[in-house]
C-alpha atoms as a PDB file:
ATOM      1  CA  UNK A   1       0.677 -12.576 -88.331  1.00  0.00           C
ATOM      2  CA  UNK A   2      -1.210 -15.807 -87.134  1.00  0.00           C
ATOM      3  CA  UNK A   3      -0.156 -17.463 -84.307  1.00  0.00           C
ATOM      4  CA  UNK A   4       2.658 -14.332 -82.799  1.00  0.00           C
ATOM      5  CA  UNK A   5       2.442 -14.460 -78.860  1.00  0.00           C
ATOM      6  CA  UNK A   6       4.285 -13.487 -76.278  1.00  0.00           C
ATOM      7  CA  UNK A   7       4.387 -16.298 -74.298  1.00  0.00           C
ATOM      8  CA  UNK A   8       2.569 -18.719 -71.917  1.00  0.00           C
ATOM      9  CA  UNK A   9       1.567 -16.812 -68.817  1.00  0.00           C
ATOM     10  CA  UNK A  10      -0.835 -14.605 -67.466  1.00  0.00           C
ATOM     11  CA  UNK A  11      -0.098 -11.102 -69.464  1.00  0.00           C
ATOM     12  CA  UNK A  12       0.664 -12.881 -72.473  1.00  0.00           C
ATOM     13  CA  UNK A  13      -1.148 -12.225 -75.672  1.00  0.00           C
ATOM     14  CA  UNK A  14      -1.793 -14.044 -79.138  1.00  0.00           C
ATOM     15  CA  UNK A  15      -3.423 -13.219 -82.293  1.00  0.00           C
ATOM     16  CA  UNK A  16      -5.945 -15.813 -82.759  1.00  0.00           C
ATOM     17  CA  UNK A  17      -8.634 -15.747 -86.131  1.00  0.00           C
ATOM     18  CA  UNK A  18      -8.809 -12.151 -86.089  1.00  0.00           C
ATOM     19  CA  UNK A  19      -8.865 -11.640 -82.605  1.00  0.00           C
ATOM     20  CA  UNK A  20      -6.277 -10.416 -80.036  1.00  0.00           C
ATOM     21  CA  UNK A  21      -6.374 -12.824 -76.752  1.00  0.00           C
ATOM     22  CA  UNK A  22      -4.773 -12.105 -73.966  1.00  0.00           C
ATOM     23  CA  UNK A  23      -4.467 -13.179 -70.505  1.00  0.00           C
ATOM     24  CA  UNK A  24      -4.589 -11.398 -67.244  1.00  0.00           C
ATOM     25  CA  UNK A  25      -4.178 -11.544 -63.741  1.00  0.00           C
ATOM     26  CA  UNK A  26      -7.584 -10.352 -62.631  1.00  0.00           C
ATOM     27  CA  UNK A  27     -11.135 -10.542 -61.260  1.00  0.00           C
ATOM     28  CA  UNK A  28     -13.982 -10.796 -64.436  1.00  0.00           C
ATOM     29  CA  UNK A  29     -16.042  -7.877 -62.485  1.00  0.00           C
ATOM     30  CA  UNK A  30     -12.838  -5.537 -62.343  1.00  0.00           C
ATOM     31  CA  UNK A  31     -12.014  -6.811 -66.014  1.00  0.00           C
ATOM     32  CA  UNK A  32     -15.090  -5.502 -66.797  1.00  0.00           C
ATOM     33  CA  UNK A  33     -14.785  -2.004 -65.245  1.00  0.00           C
ATOM     34  CA  UNK A  34     -11.514  -1.691 -67.211  1.00  0.00           C
ATOM     35  CA  UNK A  35     -12.908  -2.563 -70.416  1.00  0.00           C
ATOM     36  CA  UNK A  36     -15.601  -0.295 -70.191  1.00  0.00           C
ATOM     37  CA  UNK A  37     -13.718   2.573 -68.530  1.00  0.00           C
ATOM     38  CA  UNK A  38     -11.306   2.043 -71.835  1.00  0.00           C
ATOM     39  CA  UNK A  39     -13.357   1.817 -74.440  1.00  0.00           C
ATOM     40  CA  UNK A  40     -14.946   4.953 -73.236  1.00  0.00           C
ATOM     41  CA  UNK A  41     -11.663   6.894 -72.500  1.00  0.00           C
ATOM     42  CA  UNK A  42     -10.555   5.757 -76.176  1.00  0.00           C
ATOM     43  CA  UNK A  43     -14.038   7.408 -77.491  1.00  0.00           C
ATOM     44  CA  UNK A  44     -15.764   4.888 -78.710  1.00  0.00           C
ATOM     45  CA  UNK A  45     -19.547   4.538 -78.325  1.00  0.00           C
ATOM     46  CA  UNK A  46     -20.904   1.323 -76.718  1.00  0.00           C
ATOM     47  CA  UNK A  47     -23.824  -0.342 -78.445  1.00  0.00           C
ATOM     48  CA  UNK A  48     -24.036  -2.886 -76.522  1.00  0.00           C
ATOM     49  CA  UNK A  49     -23.126  -4.581 -72.905  1.00  0.00           C
ATOM     50  CA  UNK A  50     -23.674  -7.839 -71.498  1.00  0.00           C
ATOM     51  CA  UNK A  51     -22.391  -9.337 -68.292  1.00  0.00           C
ATOM     52  CA  UNK A  52     -23.149 -12.851 -67.767  1.00  0.00           C
ATOM     53  CA  UNK A  53     -20.601 -14.365 -65.875  1.00  0.00           C
ATOM     54  CA  UNK A  54     -18.467 -16.332 -67.343  1.00  0.00           C
ATOM     55  CA  UNK A  55     -18.547 -14.457 -69.840  1.00  0.00           C
ATOM     56  CA  UNK A  56     -18.928 -10.313 -70.910  1.00  0.00           C
ATOM     57  CA  UNK A  57     -19.037  -8.671 -74.120  1.00  0.00           C
ATOM     58  CA  UNK A  58     -18.953  -5.076 -75.062  1.00  0.00           C
ATOM     59  CA  UNK A  59     -19.623  -3.760 -78.543  1.00  0.00           C
ATOM     60  CA  UNK A  60     -19.035  -0.437 -79.454  1.00  0.00           C
ATOM     61  CA  UNK A  61     -18.436   1.908 -82.573  1.00  0.00           C
ATOM     62  CA  UNK A  62     -15.417   3.758 -82.974  1.00  0.00           C
ATOM     63  CA  UNK A  63     -15.722   7.397 -85.240  1.00  0.00           C
ATOM     64  CA  UNK A  64     -15.604   5.417 -88.605  1.00  0.00           C
ATOM     65  CA  UNK A  65     -18.295   3.490 -87.741  1.00  0.00           C
ATOM     66  CA  UNK A  66     -16.260   0.476 -87.382  1.00  0.00           C
ATOM     67  CA  UNK A  67     -16.931  -2.538 -85.022  1.00  0.00           C
ATOM     68  CA  UNK A  68     -15.132  -2.630 -82.232  1.00  0.00           C
ATOM     69  CA  UNK A  69     -15.561  -6.274 -79.584  1.00  0.00           C
ATOM     70  CA  UNK A  70     -14.674  -6.817 -76.247  1.00  0.00           C
ATOM     71  CA  UNK A  71     -15.112 -10.482 -74.631  1.00  0.00           C
ATOM     72  CA  UNK A  72     -13.877 -11.619 -71.545  1.00  0.00           C
ATOM     73  CA  UNK A  73     -13.752 -14.951 -70.103  1.00  0.00           C
ATOM     74  CA  UNK A  74     -13.455 -16.308 -66.713  1.00  0.00           C
ATOM     75  CA  UNK A  75     -10.326 -18.620 -67.085  1.00  0.00           C
ATOM     76  CA  UNK A  76     -10.773 -18.346 -63.115  1.00  0.00           C
ATOM     77  CA  UNK A  77     -11.655 -16.337 -59.664  1.00  0.00           C
ATOM     78  CA  UNK A  78      -8.352 -14.466 -60.598  1.00  0.00           C
ATOM     79  CA  UNK A  79      -7.639 -15.107 -64.322  1.00  0.00           C
ATOM     80  CA  UNK A  80      -9.648 -13.359 -67.334  1.00  0.00           C
ATOM     81  CA  UNK A  81      -9.007 -13.866 -70.801  1.00  0.00           C
ATOM     82  CA  UNK A  82      -9.904 -10.860 -72.824  1.00  0.00           C
ATOM     83  CA  UNK A  83     -10.634 -10.661 -76.448  1.00  0.00           C
ATOM     84  CA  UNK A  84     -10.699  -7.672 -79.003  1.00  0.00           C
ATOM     85  CA  UNK A  85     -11.868  -7.579 -81.991  1.00  0.00           C
ATOM     86  CA  UNK A  86     -11.960  -4.791 -84.984  1.00  0.00           C
ATOM     87  CA  UNK A  87     -13.723  -5.070 -87.619  1.00  0.00           C
ATOM     88  CA  UNK A  88     -15.453  -7.789 -89.297  1.00  0.00           C
ATOM     89  CA  UNK A  89     -11.757  -9.600 -90.126  1.00  0.00           C
ATOM     90  CA  UNK A  90      -9.603  -8.051 -87.426  1.00  0.00           C
ATOM     91  CA  UNK A  91      -8.012  -5.110 -87.712  1.00  0.00           C
ATOM     92  CA  UNK A  92      -4.848  -5.317 -86.147  1.00  0.00           C
ATOM     93  CA  UNK A  93      -3.803  -1.900 -85.389  1.00  0.00           C
ATOM     94  CA  UNK A  94      -6.289  -0.742 -82.552  1.00  0.00           C
ATOM     95  CA  UNK A  95      -5.572  -3.570 -80.873  1.00  0.00           C
ATOM     96  CA  UNK A  96      -2.682  -3.257 -78.502  1.00  0.00           C
ATOM     97  CA  UNK A  97      -3.747   0.370 -77.805  1.00  0.00           C
ATOM     98  CA  UNK A  98      -7.372  -0.508 -76.483  1.00  0.00           C
ATOM     99  CA  UNK A  99      -5.366  -3.447 -74.620  1.00  0.00           C
ATOM    100  CA  UNK A 100      -3.029  -0.807 -72.860  1.00  0.00           C
ATOM    101  CA  UNK A 101      -5.980   1.132 -72.650  1.00  0.00           C
ATOM    102  CA  UNK A 102      -8.003  -1.459 -70.563  1.00  0.00           C
ATOM    103  CA  UNK A 103      -5.110  -2.496 -68.467  1.00  0.00           C
ATOM    104  CA  UNK A 104      -4.783   0.810 -67.372  1.00  0.00           C
ATOM    105  CA  UNK A 105      -7.570   0.422 -65.120  1.00  0.00           C
ATOM    106  CA  UNK A 106      -6.925  -2.799 -63.070  1.00  0.00           C
END
């Protein structure tokens, strides 16, 4: 499913090299808070957090101990790229659920 995209603007997503990449019209700090809240709400255990603008990274484990990474990259003052990887090679199944949960906290 390489290269599946929903358009070319803010609020779109694409699958790139095992990651779900989404560009959202939200400040990095707000995206960071939303990522932490979304991961927690899904029951994942955060094991590592780094927020060093212009990039932030949250690593968590799901109930099956699968690694979940959420990277946030500041594109501008009001736009953040969200990259989600589940597992070593990128398990597509939970990506949209994670992204939807993060977006629900904007």
